[in-house]
C-alpha cells in the first residue's frame, strides 16, 4: 500500500470498526475514543489528539459529518472543510488508528458500539457531563479530560481570517 492508501484505510465505517474492535480485544489493546468536528486542523488539535493517544494503545476518533457539524451551531459557514477532508486529515496523523464519521448530534451510539476503555474530551467538560460517561463507567472504563492548548481554536483562526 502507498501512503495515501494507508491514510484512506484508517477512515472506516461501522462494519469495519466492529471487526477491528474484535481484533484489538483479542490482543488486549486499550481503546481510547474521542470525537469532534476537527475543522481546520491546528496545533491545539494535534496537542489534544496526541495526548489522547498517550492514554491507551488504540486511538479511535469520531468525526462529525457535515450535517451533524452544522447542527452544533458553530456558525453558518461551519464546517469550513468538508467531512471527507476533515476525516482524511485526522487519519493522516500517525498516532490516530481509526476515524469514523457519525451523523447523529452526539457520538453516544458510537460510544455504545466501541465500548472504549478511555473516553476523552476537553477539560471544558466535567467528566459526568460527557456524552457516553454512563457507558464507559458501566464497563469499568475511565473518563479523561485534556486541557486545551491556549490560543488555538478554529473559531480564533476563522476570526483572524475574516478580520485581517
Protein backbone atom coordinates (compact mmCIF):
# COMPACT_ATOMS: atom_id res chain seq x y z
CA UNK A 1 0.00 0.00 0.00
CA UNK A 2 1.19 3.51 -0.72
CA UNK A 3 0.98 6.24 1.94
CA UNK A 4 -2.33 7.65 0.72
CA UNK A 5 -3.93 4.20 0.73
CA UNK A 6 -2.77 3.71 4.31
CA UNK A 7 -4.37 7.02 5.32
CA UNK A 8 -7.60 6.20 3.47
CA UNK A 9 -7.73 2.77 5.13
CA UNK A 10 -7.96 4.44 8.53
CA UNK A 11 -11.26 6.16 7.66
CA UNK A 12 -13.68 3.32 8.26
CA UNK A 13 -17.35 2.52 8.54
CA UNK A 14 -19.06 0.81 11.47
CA UNK A 15 -18.84 -2.68 9.94
CA UNK A 16 -15.06 -2.47 9.60
CA UNK A 17 -14.76 -0.79 13.00
CA UNK A 18 -16.56 -3.71 14.66
CA UNK A 19 -14.14 -6.15 13.00
CA UNK A 20 -11.14 -4.12 14.16
CA UNK A 21 -12.54 -3.85 17.69
CA UNK A 22 -12.76 -7.66 17.84
CA UNK A 23 -9.15 -7.99 16.72
CA UNK A 24 -7.96 -5.35 19.19
CA UNK A 25 -9.90 -7.06 22.00
CA UNK A 26 -8.15 -10.37 21.23
CA UNK A 27 -4.85 -8.53 21.51
CA UNK A 28 -5.93 -6.88 24.82
CA UNK A 29 -5.48 -3.41 23.38
CA UNK A 30 -6.63 -0.43 25.45
CA UNK A 31 -9.09 1.56 23.29
CA UNK A 32 -9.27 5.35 23.59
CA UNK A 33 -12.12 7.28 21.98
CA UNK A 34 -12.64 10.95 21.39
CA UNK A 35 -14.69 12.94 18.94
CA UNK A 36 -15.11 16.34 17.36
CA UNK A 37 -15.60 18.34 14.20
CA UNK A 38 -11.86 19.00 13.74
CA UNK A 39 -12.45 21.82 11.29
CA UNK A 40 -9.20 23.49 10.15
CA UNK A 41 -6.67 21.27 11.87
CA UNK A 42 -4.37 23.30 14.13
CA UNK A 43 -1.77 22.86 16.86
CA UNK A 44 -4.48 22.60 19.53
CA UNK A 45 -5.94 19.56 17.76
CA UNK A 46 -2.52 17.93 17.43
CA UNK A 47 -1.78 18.51 21.12
CA UNK A 48 -5.19 17.18 22.21
CA UNK A 49 -5.19 14.09 19.98
CA UNK A 50 -1.59 13.13 20.76
CA UNK A 51 -2.32 13.36 24.49
CA UNK A 52 -5.44 11.24 23.98
CA UNK A 53 -3.34 8.57 22.26
CA UNK A 54 -0.95 8.56 25.24
CA UNK A 55 -3.85 7.21 27.35
CA UNK A 56 -4.03 3.85 25.56
CA UNK A 57 -2.96 1.63 22.70
CA UNK A 58 -5.55 2.43 20.02
CA UNK A 59 -7.00 5.87 19.30
CA UNK A 60 -10.38 5.93 17.57
CA UNK A 61 -11.63 9.36 16.57
CA UNK A 62 -15.27 10.09 15.81
CA UNK A 63 -15.68 12.96 13.35
CA UNK A 64 -19.00 14.76 12.92
CA UNK A 65 -20.41 14.60 9.40
CA UNK A 66 -21.09 17.94 7.73
CA UNK A 67 -24.79 17.64 8.61
CA UNK A 68 -24.04 16.82 12.24
CA UNK A 69 -21.47 19.63 12.48
CA UNK A 70 -23.94 22.21 11.13
CA UNK A 71 -26.43 21.23 13.84
CA UNK A 72 -23.86 22.12 16.52
CA UNK A 73 -24.49 25.79 15.80
CA UNK A 74 -20.88 26.94 15.44
CA UNK A 75 -21.83 29.36 12.68
CA UNK A 76 -23.50 29.43 9.30
CA UNK A 77 -20.21 28.88 7.45
CA UNK A 78 -19.11 25.90 9.52
CA UNK A 79 -17.75 23.44 8.96
CA UNK A 80 -15.32 25.22 6.68
CA UNK A 81 -13.87 21.99 5.33
CA UNK A 82 -15.98 19.01 4.27
CA UNK A 83 -16.22 15.71 6.15
CA UNK A 84 -14.06 13.79 3.68
CA UNK A 85 -11.25 16.33 4.06
CA UNK A 86 -11.58 16.51 7.85
CA UNK A 87 -11.65 12.74 8.37
CA UNK A 88 -8.76 12.16 5.96
CA UNK A 89 -6.60 14.82 7.61
CA UNK A 90 -7.23 13.30 11.06
CA UNK A 91 -6.46 9.82 9.66
CA UNK A 92 -3.14 11.14 8.32
CA UNK A 93 -1.89 11.71 11.87
CA UNK A 94 0.44 8.81 12.70
CA UNK A 95 -0.98 8.40 16.22
CA UNK A 96 -4.60 8.01 15.02
CA UNK A 97 -5.56 4.39 14.41
CA UNK A 98 -9.10 4.79 13.09
CA UNK A 99 -11.52 7.54 12.13
CA UNK A 100 -15.25 7.02 11.86
CA UNK A 101 -17.82 9.58 10.76
CA UNK A 102 -21.04 9.92 12.72
CA UNK A 103 -24.18 11.76 11.66
CA UNK A 104 -26.01 11.96 15.00
CA UNK A 105 -25.98 15.03 17.25
CA UNK A 106 -23.76 13.18 19.72
CA UNK A 107 -21.48 10.14 19.45
CA UNK A 108 -23.50 8.23 22.06
CA UNK A 109 -24.45 5.30 19.80
CA UNK A 110 -20.88 5.13 18.50
CA UNK A 111 -19.55 5.01 22.07
CA UNK A 112 -22.02 2.20 22.86
CA UNK A 113 -20.64 0.28 19.87
CA UNK A 114 -16.97 0.94 20.63
CA UNK A 115 -17.15 0.44 24.41
CA UNK A 116 -13.86 2.32 24.86
CA UNK A 117 -11.60 1.76 27.85
CA UNK A 118 -10.94 5.50 27.95
CA UNK A 119 -13.28 8.28 26.84
CA UNK A 120 -11.57 11.63 26.27
CA UNK A 121 -12.93 15.16 25.93
CA UNK A 122 -11.64 18.65 26.55
CA UNK A 123 -11.29 19.93 30.09
CA UNK A 124 -14.13 22.38 29.45
CA UNK A 125 -16.38 19.42 30.32
CA UNK A 126 -16.97 17.89 33.73
CA UNK A 127 -16.48 14.12 33.37
CA UNK A 128 -20.07 13.28 34.34
CA UNK A 129 -21.37 15.68 31.64
CA UNK A 130 -19.50 13.94 28.83
CA UNK A 131 -21.70 12.04 26.39
CA UNK A 132 -21.06 8.34 26.91
CA UNK A 133 -19.92 8.72 30.53
CA UNK A 134 -22.51 6.17 31.66
CA UNK A 135 -21.45 3.62 29.04
CA UNK A 136 -17.74 3.82 29.84
CA UNK A 137 -18.17 3.87 33.63
CA UNK A 138 -20.57 0.88 33.47
CA UNK A 139 -17.90 -1.21 31.72
CA UNK A 140 -15.21 -0.16 34.21
CA UNK A 141 -13.51 2.33 31.91
CA UNK A 142 -12.14 5.78 32.61
CA UNK A 143 -13.12 9.31 31.64
CA UNK A 144 -10.21 11.67 30.97
CA UNK A 145 -10.23 15.36 30.21
CA UNK A 146 -7.43 17.23 28.48
CA UNK A 147 -6.70 20.92 28.83
CA UNK A 148 -6.86 22.79 25.54
CA UNK A 149 -3.74 24.50 24.27
CA UNK A 150 -4.38 28.16 24.99
CA UNK A 151 -4.73 30.42 21.97
CA UNK A 152 -5.59 27.71 19.46
CA UNK A 153 -9.09 27.15 18.14
CA UNK A 154 -10.82 27.01 14.79
CA UNK A 155 -13.04 29.92 15.87
CA UNK A 156 -9.95 32.10 16.52
CA UNK A 157 -8.49 31.13 13.14
CA UNK A 158 -11.79 31.93 11.42
CA UNK A 159 -11.94 35.36 13.11
CA UNK A 160 -8.34 36.11 12.14
CA UNK A 161 -9.02 35.25 8.50
CA UNK A 162 -12.14 37.43 8.41
CA UNK A 163 -10.61 40.47 10.11
CA UNK A 164 -7.00 40.55 8.92
